[in-house]
Amino acid sequence: DEIISFFGNRAFNEFAKLMIPRSGLFSSVP
């Protein structure tokens, strides 16, 4: 229950940052 509460209404783009394609479409920094 604590873990699921972390996510709420977050969208995918809050966890992945779009980047210019080189080695991946998204950065995993988030």
Full PDB file with SEQRES, HELIX, SHEET, SSBOND, CRYST1, ORIGX, SCALE, CONECT and MASTER records, all heavy atoms in Angstrom:
SEQRES   1 A   30  ASP GLU ILE ILE SER PHE PHE GLY ASN ARG ALA PHE ASN          
SEQRES   2 A   30  GLU PHE ALA LYS LEU MET ILE PRO ARG SER GLY LEU PHE          
SEQRES   3 A   30  SER SER VAL PRO                                              
HELIX    1 AA1 GLU A    2  SER A    5  1                                   4    
HELIX    2 AA2 PHE A   12  GLU A   14  5                                   3    
SHEET    1 AA1 2 LYS A  17  LEU A  18  0                                        
SHEET    2 AA1 2 PHE A  26  SER A  27 -1                                        
CRYST1    1.000    1.000    1.000  90.00  90.00  90.00 P 1           1          
ORIGX1      1.000000  0.000000  0.000000        0.00000                         
ORIGX2      0.000000  1.000000  0.000000        0.00000                         
ORIGX3      0.000000  0.000000  1.000000        0.00000                         
SCALE1      1.000000  0.000000  0.000000        0.00000                         
SCALE2      0.000000  1.000000  0.000000        0.00000                         
SCALE3      0.000000  0.000000  1.000000        0.00000                         
ATOM      1  N   ASP A   1       0.821  -1.215   0.000  1.00  0.00           N  
ATOM      2  CA  ASP A   1       0.000   0.000   0.000  1.00  0.00           C  
ATOM      3  C   ASP A   1       0.854   1.263   0.000  1.00  0.00           C  
ATOM      4  O   ASP A   1       0.516   2.258  -0.666  1.00  0.00           O  
ATOM      5  CB  ASP A   1      -0.938   0.021   1.216  1.00  0.00           C  
ATOM      6  CG  ASP A   1      -2.163  -0.841   1.028  1.00  0.00           C  
ATOM      7  OD1 ASP A   1      -2.540  -1.097  -0.135  1.00  0.00           O  
ATOM      8  OD2 ASP A   1      -2.755  -1.265   2.036  1.00  0.00           O  
ATOM      9  N   GLU A   2       1.958   1.254   0.729  1.00  0.00           N  
ATOM     10  CA  GLU A   2       2.842   2.419   0.753  1.00  0.00           C  
ATOM     11  C   GLU A   2       3.462   2.660  -0.614  1.00  0.00           C  
ATOM     12  O   GLU A   2       3.563   3.804  -1.081  1.00  0.00           O  
ATOM     13  CB  GLU A   2       3.938   2.230   1.794  1.00  0.00           C  
ATOM     14  CG  GLU A   2       3.461   2.334   3.240  1.00  0.00           C  
ATOM     15  CD  GLU A   2       4.536   2.000   4.240  1.00  0.00           C  
ATOM     16  OE1 GLU A   2       5.343   1.075   3.995  1.00  0.00           O  
ATOM     17  OE2 GLU A   2       4.567   2.661   5.297  1.00  0.00           O  
ATOM     18  N   ILE A   3       3.862   1.584  -1.281  1.00  0.00           N  
ATOM     19  CA  ILE A   3       4.513   1.728  -2.585  1.00  0.00           C  
ATOM     20  C   ILE A   3       3.539   2.272  -3.620  1.00  0.00           C  
ATOM     21  O   ILE A   3       3.867   3.191  -4.383  1.00  0.00           O  
ATOM     22  CB  ILE A   3       5.098   0.380  -3.051  1.00  0.00           C  
ATOM     23  CG1 ILE A   3       6.187  -0.085  -2.077  1.00  0.00           C  
ATOM     24  CG2 ILE A   3       5.696   0.515  -4.464  1.00  0.00           C  
ATOM     25  CD1 ILE A   3       6.663  -1.501  -2.312  1.00  0.00           C  
ATOM     26  N   ILE A   4       2.334   1.718  -3.671  1.00  0.00           N  
ATOM     27  CA  ILE A   4       1.376   2.178  -4.674  1.00  0.00           C  
ATOM     28  C   ILE A   4       1.009   3.638  -4.433  1.00  0.00           C  
ATOM     29  O   ILE A   4       0.702   4.378  -5.374  1.00  0.00           O  
ATOM     30  CB  ILE A   4       0.120   1.269  -4.699  1.00  0.00           C  
ATOM     31  CG1 ILE A   4      -0.674   1.471  -6.002  1.00  0.00           C  
ATOM     32  CG2 ILE A   4      -0.755   1.513  -3.498  1.00  0.00           C  
ATOM     33  CD1 ILE A   4       0.014   0.980  -7.222  1.00  0.00           C  
ATOM     34  N   SER A   5       1.071   4.084  -3.192  1.00  0.00           N  
ATOM     35  CA  SER A   5       0.733   5.476  -2.894  1.00  0.00           C  
ATOM     36  C   SER A   5       1.754   6.448  -3.479  1.00  0.00           C  
ATOM     37  O   SER A   5       1.447   7.631  -3.673  1.00  0.00           O  
ATOM     38  CB  SER A   5       0.632   5.687  -1.380  1.00  0.00           C  
ATOM     39  OG  SER A   5       1.916   5.648  -0.769  1.00  0.00           O  
ATOM     40  N   PHE A   6       2.972   5.973  -3.774  1.00  0.00           N  
ATOM     41  CA  PHE A   6       3.991   6.840  -4.354  1.00  0.00           C  
ATOM     42  C   PHE A   6       3.611   7.321  -5.752  1.00  0.00           C  
ATOM     43  O   PHE A   6       4.104   8.340  -6.228  1.00  0.00           O  
ATOM     44  CB  PHE A   6       5.348   6.124  -4.447  1.00  0.00           C  
ATOM     45  CG  PHE A   6       5.962   5.780  -3.126  1.00  0.00           C  
ATOM     46  CD1 PHE A   6       6.831   4.704  -3.021  1.00  0.00           C  
ATOM     47  CD2 PHE A   6       5.690   6.526  -1.990  1.00  0.00           C  
ATOM     48  CE1 PHE A   6       7.421   4.369  -1.805  1.00  0.00           C  
ATOM     49  CE2 PHE A   6       6.277   6.205  -0.773  1.00  0.00           C  
ATOM     50  CZ  PHE A   6       7.140   5.125  -0.678  1.00  0.00           C  
ATOM     51  N   PHE A   7       2.787   6.541  -6.428  1.00  0.00           N  
ATOM     52  CA  PHE A   7       2.544   6.794  -7.846  1.00  0.00           C  
ATOM     53  C   PHE A   7       1.341   7.694  -8.122  1.00  0.00           C  
ATOM     54  O   PHE A   7       1.366   8.475  -9.067  1.00  0.00           O  
ATOM     55  CB  PHE A   7       2.422   5.466  -8.596  1.00  0.00           C  
ATOM     56  CG  PHE A   7       3.699   4.709  -8.624  1.00  0.00           C  
ATOM     57  CD1 PHE A   7       4.025   3.827  -7.599  1.00  0.00           C  
ATOM     58  CD2 PHE A   7       4.613   4.904  -9.633  1.00  0.00           C  
ATOM     59  CE1 PHE A   7       5.230   3.143  -7.594  1.00  0.00           C  
ATOM     60  CE2 PHE A   7       5.824   4.227  -9.639  1.00  0.00           C  
ATOM     61  CZ  PHE A   7       6.133   3.346  -8.619  1.00  0.00           C  
ATOM     62  N   GLY A   8       0.297   7.595  -7.313  1.00  0.00           N  
ATOM     63  CA  GLY A   8      -0.842   8.479  -7.482  1.00  0.00           C  
ATOM     64  C   GLY A   8      -1.299   8.564  -8.922  1.00  0.00           C  
ATOM     65  O   GLY A   8      -1.567   7.567  -9.572  1.00  0.00           O  
ATOM     66  N   ASN A   9      -1.349   9.774  -9.461  1.00  0.00           N  
ATOM     67  CA  ASN A   9      -1.793   9.989 -10.840  1.00  0.00           C  
ATOM     68  C   ASN A   9      -0.631  10.346 -11.766  1.00  0.00           C  
ATOM     69  O   ASN A   9      -0.805  11.021 -12.768  1.00  0.00           O  
ATOM     70  CB  ASN A   9      -2.848  11.101 -10.883  1.00  0.00           C  
ATOM     71  CG  ASN A   9      -4.100  10.711 -10.133  1.00  0.00           C  
ATOM     72  OD1 ASN A   9      -4.571   9.590 -10.248  1.00  0.00           O  
ATOM     73  ND2 ASN A   9      -4.635  11.646  -9.349  1.00  0.00           N  
ATOM     74  N   ARG A  10       0.545   9.886 -11.446  1.00  0.00           N  
ATOM     75  CA  ARG A  10       1.711  10.228 -12.245  1.00  0.00           C  
ATOM     76  C   ARG A  10       1.624   9.604 -13.631  1.00  0.00           C  
ATOM     77  O   ARG A  10       1.156   8.494 -13.803  1.00  0.00           O  
ATOM     78  CB  ARG A  10       2.994   9.743 -11.572  1.00  0.00           C  
ATOM     79  CG  ARG A  10       3.242  10.408 -10.226  1.00  0.00           C  
ATOM     80  CD  ARG A  10       4.513   9.878  -9.613  1.00  0.00           C  
ATOM     81  NE  ARG A  10       4.677  10.432  -8.268  1.00  0.00           N  
ATOM     82  CZ  ARG A  10       5.836  10.815  -7.772  1.00  0.00           C  
ATOM     83  NH1 ARG A  10       6.920  10.716  -8.481  1.00  0.00           N  
ATOM     84  NH2 ARG A  10       5.916  11.297  -6.558  1.00  0.00           N  
ATOM     85  N   ALA A  11       2.126  10.308 -14.603  1.00  0.00           N  
ATOM     86  CA  ALA A  11       2.184   9.814 -15.972  1.00  0.00           C  
ATOM     87  C   ALA A  11       3.584   9.295 -16.255  1.00  0.00           C  
ATOM     88  O   ALA A  11       4.547   9.608 -15.540  1.00  0.00           O  
ATOM     89  CB  ALA A  11       1.824  10.918 -16.953  1.00  0.00           C  
ATOM     90  N   PHE A  12       3.713   8.515 -17.318  1.00  0.00           N  
ATOM     91  CA  PHE A  12       4.999   7.916 -17.675  1.00  0.00           C  
ATOM     92  C   PHE A  12       6.086   8.970 -17.849  1.00  0.00           C  
ATOM     93  O   PHE A  12       7.242   8.752 -17.472  1.00  0.00           O  
ATOM     94  CB  PHE A  12       4.840   7.104 -18.956  1.00  0.00           C  
ATOM     95  CG  PHE A  12       6.138   6.674 -19.577  1.00  0.00           C  
ATOM     96  CD1 PHE A  12       6.973   5.776 -18.928  1.00  0.00           C  
ATOM     97  CD2 PHE A  12       6.539   7.175 -20.807  1.00  0.00           C  
ATOM     98  CE1 PHE A  12       8.173   5.376 -19.488  1.00  0.00           C  
ATOM     99  CE2 PHE A  12       7.730   6.780 -21.366  1.00  0.00           C  
ATOM    100  CZ  PHE A  12       8.554   5.888 -20.716  1.00  0.00           C  
ATOM    101  N   ASN A  13       5.729  10.137 -18.414  1.00  0.00           N  
ATOM    102  CA  ASN A  13       6.764  11.131 -18.681  1.00  0.00           C  
ATOM    103  C   ASN A  13       7.377  11.731 -17.427  1.00  0.00           C  
ATOM    104  O   ASN A  13       8.369  12.444 -17.490  1.00  0.00           O  
ATOM    105  CB  ASN A  13       6.241  12.239 -19.611  1.00  0.00           C  
ATOM    106  CG  ASN A  13       5.035  12.959 -19.054  1.00  0.00           C  
ATOM    107  OD1 ASN A  13       4.739  12.841 -17.864  1.00  0.00           O  
ATOM    108  ND2 ASN A  13       4.341  13.688 -19.907  1.00  0.00           N  
ATOM    109  N   GLU A  14       6.788  11.447 -16.257  1.00  0.00           N  
ATOM    110  CA  GLU A  14       7.419  11.884 -15.010  1.00  0.00           C  
ATOM    111  C   GLU A  14       8.579  10.968 -14.636  1.00  0.00           C  
ATOM    112  O   GLU A  14       9.408  11.314 -13.806  1.00  0.00           O  
ATOM    113  CB  GLU A  14       6.398  11.908 -13.882  1.00  0.00           C  
ATOM    114  CG  GLU A  14       5.355  12.993 -14.005  1.00  0.00           C  
ATOM    115  CD  GLU A  14       4.504  13.074 -12.754  1.00  0.00           C  
ATOM    116  OE1 GLU A  14       5.060  13.246 -11.656  1.00  0.00           O  
ATOM    117  OE2 GLU A  14       3.281  12.930 -12.886  1.00  0.00           O  
ATOM    118  N   PHE A  15       8.610   9.765 -15.239  1.00  0.00           N  
ATOM    119  CA  PHE A  15       9.651   8.799 -14.907  1.00  0.00           C  
ATOM    120  C   PHE A  15      10.651   8.611 -16.040  1.00  0.00           C  
ATOM    121  O   PHE A  15      11.623   7.897 -15.888  1.00  0.00           O  
ATOM    122  CB  PHE A  15       9.027   7.439 -14.568  1.00  0.00           C  
ATOM    123  CG  PHE A  15       8.321   7.445 -13.250  1.00  0.00           C  
ATOM    124  CD1 PHE A  15       7.011   7.851 -13.153  1.00  0.00           C  
ATOM    125  CD2 PHE A  15       8.978   7.074 -12.098  1.00  0.00           C  
ATOM    126  CE1 PHE A  15       6.361   7.878 -11.930  1.00  0.00           C  
ATOM    127  CE2 PHE A  15       8.344   7.095 -10.870  1.00  0.00           C  
ATOM    128  CZ  PHE A  15       7.028   7.505 -10.792  1.00  0.00           C  
ATOM    129  N   ALA A  16      10.399   9.255 -17.165  1.00  0.00           N  
ATOM    130  CA  ALA A  16      11.299   9.099 -18.294  1.00  0.00           C  
ATOM    131  C   ALA A  16      11.349  10.394 -19.089  1.00  0.00           C  
ATOM    132  O   ALA A  16      10.310  10.937 -19.456  1.00  0.00           O  
ATOM    133  CB  ALA A  16      10.819   7.958 -19.199  1.00  0.00           C  
ATOM    134  N   LYS A  17      12.522  10.879 -19.341  1.00  0.00           N  
ATOM    135  CA  LYS A  17      12.706  12.151 -20.032  1.00  0.00           C  
ATOM    136  C   LYS A  17      13.074  11.886 -21.491  1.00  0.00           C  
ATOM    137  O   LYS A  17      14.042  11.187 -21.784  1.00  0.00           O  
ATOM    138  CB  LYS A  17      13.819  12.942 -19.344  1.00  0.00           C  
ATOM    139  CG  LYS A  17      14.087  14.304 -19.983  1.00  0.00           C  
ATOM    140  CD  LYS A  17      15.208  15.002 -19.224  1.00  0.00           C  
ATOM    141  CE  LYS A  17      15.525  16.352 -19.858  1.00  0.00           C  
ATOM    142  NZ  LYS A  17      16.659  17.011 -19.164  1.00  0.00           N  
ATOM    143  N   LEU A  18      12.262  12.449 -22.411  1.00  0.00           N  
ATOM    144  CA  LEU A  18      12.524  12.271 -23.834  1.00  0.00           C  
ATOM    145  C   LEU A  18      13.861  12.904 -24.192  1.00  0.00           C  
ATOM    146  O   LEU A  18      14.184  14.004 -23.755  1.00  0.00           O  
ATOM    147  CB  LEU A  18      11.397  12.908 -24.655  1.00  0.00           C  
ATOM    148  CG  LEU A  18      11.432  12.675 -26.167  1.00  0.00           C  
ATOM    149  CD1 LEU A  18      11.251  11.195 -26.467  1.00  0.00           C  
ATOM    150  CD2 LEU A  18      10.341  13.483 -26.853  1.00  0.00           C  
ATOM    151  N   MET A  19      14.647  12.179 -25.001  1.00  0.00           N  
ATOM    152  CA  MET A  19      15.956  12.704 -25.379  1.00  0.00           C  
ATOM    153  C   MET A  19      16.185  12.474 -26.871  1.00  0.00           C  
ATOM    154  O   MET A  19      15.479  11.681 -27.507  1.00  0.00           O  
ATOM    155  CB  MET A  19      17.062  12.010 -24.569  1.00  0.00           C  
ATOM    156  CG  MET A  19      17.122  10.498 -24.719  1.00  0.00           C  
ATOM    157  SD  MET A  19      18.239   9.698 -23.550  1.00  0.00           S  
ATOM    158  CE  MET A  19      19.814  10.297 -24.111  1.00  0.00           C  
ATOM    159  N   ILE A  20      17.136  13.201 -27.430  1.00  0.00           N  
ATOM    160  CA  ILE A  20      17.477  13.003 -28.840  1.00  0.00           C  
ATOM    161  C   ILE A  20      18.039  11.596 -29.000  1.00  0.00           C  
ATOM    162  O   ILE A  20      18.981  11.210 -28.298  1.00  0.00           O  
ATOM    163  CB  ILE A  20      18.514  14.046 -29.299  1.00  0.00           C  
ATOM    164  CG1 ILE A  20      17.913  15.454 -29.187  1.00  0.00           C  
ATOM    165  CG2 ILE A  20      18.961  13.762 -30.727  1.00  0.00           C  
ATOM    166  CD1 ILE A  20      18.900  16.565 -29.451  1.00  0.00           C  
ATOM    167  N   PRO A  21      17.467  10.767 -29.903  1.00  0.00           N  
ATOM    168  CA  PRO A  21      17.896   9.369 -30.020  1.00  0.00           C  
ATOM    169  C   PRO A  21      19.393   9.233 -30.295  1.00  0.00           C  
ATOM    170  O   PRO A  21      19.920   9.821 -31.215  1.00  0.00           O  
ATOM    171  CB  PRO A  21      17.073   8.852 -31.201  1.00  0.00           C  
ATOM    172  CG  PRO A  21      15.872   9.717 -31.219  1.00  0.00           C  
ATOM    173  CD  PRO A  21      16.349  11.069 -30.794  1.00  0.00           C  
ATOM    174  N   ARG A  22      20.032   8.491 -29.458  1.00  0.00           N  
ATOM    175  CA  ARG A  22      21.428   8.104 -29.650  1.00  0.00           C  
ATOM    176  C   ARG A  22      21.569   6.677 -29.167  1.00  0.00           C  
ATOM    177  O   ARG A  22      21.889   5.789 -29.920  1.00  0.00           O  
ATOM    178  CB  ARG A  22      22.376   9.045 -28.899  1.00  0.00           C  
ATOM    179  CG  ARG A  22      23.841   8.666 -29.085  1.00  0.00           C  
ATOM    180  CD  ARG A  22      24.771   9.586 -28.325  1.00  0.00           C  
ATOM    181  NE  ARG A  22      26.154   9.161 -28.452  1.00  0.00           N  
ATOM    182  CZ  ARG A  22      27.160   9.711 -27.814  1.00  0.00           C  
ATOM    183  NH1 ARG A  22      26.959  10.740 -26.996  1.00  0.00           N  
ATOM    184  NH2 ARG A  22      28.394   9.251 -27.965  1.00  0.00           N  
ATOM    185  N   SER A  23      21.307   6.466 -27.890  1.00  0.00           N  
ATOM    186  CA  SER A  23      21.337   5.101 -27.360  1.00  0.00           C  
ATOM    187  C   SER A  23      20.004   4.709 -26.754  1.00  0.00           C  
ATOM    188  O   SER A  23      19.853   3.602 -26.252  1.00  0.00           O  
ATOM    189  CB  SER A  23      22.441   4.976 -26.312  1.00  0.00           C  
ATOM    190  OG  SER A  23      22.303   5.975 -25.325  1.00  0.00           O  
ATOM    191  N   GLY A  24      19.012   5.624 -26.779  1.00  0.00           N  
ATOM    192  CA  GLY A  24      17.690   5.329 -26.259  1.00  0.00           C  
ATOM    193  C   GLY A  24      16.769   6.514 -26.462  1.00  0.00           C  
ATOM    194  O   GLY A  24      17.228   7.657 -26.511  1.00  0.00           O  
ATOM    195  N   LEU A  25      15.481   6.250 -26.597  1.00  0.00           N  
ATOM    196  CA  LEU A  25      14.522   7.328 -26.799  1.00  0.00           C  
ATOM    197  C   LEU A  25      14.297   8.142 -25.530  1.00  0.00           C  
ATOM    198  O   LEU A  25      13.967   9.319 -25.591  1.00  0.00           O  
ATOM    199  CB  LEU A  25      13.182   6.745 -27.278  1.00  0.00           C  
ATOM    200  CG  LEU A  25      13.172   6.089 -28.662  1.00  0.00           C  
ATOM    201  CD1 LEU A  25      11.815   5.453 -28.919  1.00  0.00           C  
ATOM    202  CD2 LEU A  25      13.492   7.117 -29.744  1.00  0.00           C  
ATOM    203  N   PHE A  26      14.459   7.475 -24.376  1.00  0.00           N  
ATOM    204  CA  PHE A  26      14.193   8.145 -23.114  1.00  0.00           C  
ATOM    205  C   PHE A  26      15.395   8.020 -22.179  1.00  0.00           C  
ATOM    206  O   PHE A  26      16.073   6.998 -22.158  1.00  0.00           O  
ATOM    207  CB  PHE A  26      12.965   7.547 -22.423  1.00  0.00           C  
ATOM    208  CG  PHE A  26      11.670   7.815 -23.150  1.00  0.00           C  
ATOM    209  CD1 PHE A  26      11.198   6.922 -24.087  1.00  0.00           C  
ATOM    210  CD2 PHE A  26      10.942   8.959 -22.878  1.00  0.00           C  
ATOM    211  CE1 PHE A  26      10.008   7.161 -24.765  1.00  0.00           C  
ATOM    212  CE2 PHE A  26       9.752   9.212 -23.549  1.00  0.00           C  
ATOM    213  CZ  PHE A  26       9.287   8.309 -24.494  1.00  0.00           C  
ATOM    214  N   SER A  27      15.610   9.069 -21.414  1.00  0.00           N  
ATOM    215  CA  SER A  27      16.621   9.035 -20.362  1.00  0.00           C  
ATOM    216  C   SER A  27      16.008   8.408 -19.118  1.00  0.00           C  
ATOM    217  O   SER A  27      14.832   8.618 -18.816  1.00  0.00           O  
ATOM    218  CB  SER A  27      17.098  10.447 -20.046  1.00  0.00           C  
ATOM    219  OG  SER A  27      17.822  10.476 -18.842  1.00  0.00           O  
ATOM    220  N   SER A  28      16.793   7.655 -18.380  1.00  0.00           N  
ATOM    221  CA  SER A  28      16.304   7.018 -17.153  1.00  0.00           C  
ATOM    222  C   SER A  28      16.646   7.820 -15.905  1.00  0.00           C  
ATOM    223  O   SER A  28      16.476   7.334 -14.788  1.00  0.00           O  
ATOM    224  CB  SER A  28      16.877   5.601 -17.040  1.00  0.00           C  
ATOM    225  OG  SER A  28      18.270   5.602 -17.177  1.00  0.00           O  
ATOM    226  N   VAL A  29      17.100   9.059 -16.085  1.00  0.00           N  
ATOM    227  CA  VAL A  29      17.448   9.907 -14.934  1.00  0.00           C  
ATOM    228  C   VAL A  29      16.297  10.025 -13.941  1.00  0.00           C  
ATOM    229  O   VAL A  29      16.507   9.952 -12.716  1.00  0.00           O  
ATOM    230  CB  VAL A  29      17.916  11.299 -15.408  1.00  0.00           C  
ATOM    231  CG1 VAL A  29      18.008  12.273 -14.235  1.00  0.00           C  
ATOM    232  CG2 VAL A  29      19.274  11.191 -16.093  1.00  0.00           C  
ATOM    233  N   PRO A  30      15.024  10.197 -14.401  1.00  0.00           N  
ATOM    234  CA  PRO A  30      13.927  10.271 -13.427  1.00  0.00           C  
ATOM    235  C   PRO A  30      13.772   9.009 -12.584  1.00  0.00           C  
ATOM    236  O   PRO A  30      13.355   9.089 -11.430  1.00  0.00           O  
ATOM    237  CB  PRO A  30      12.689  10.493 -14.315  1.00  0.00           C  
ATOM    238  CG  PRO A  30      13.231  11.180 -15.525  1.00  0.00           C  
ATOM    239  CD  PRO A  30      14.553  10.520 -15.756  1.00  0.00           C  
TER     240      PRO A  30                                                      
MASTER        0    0    0    2    2    0    0    6  239    1    0    3          
END                                                                             
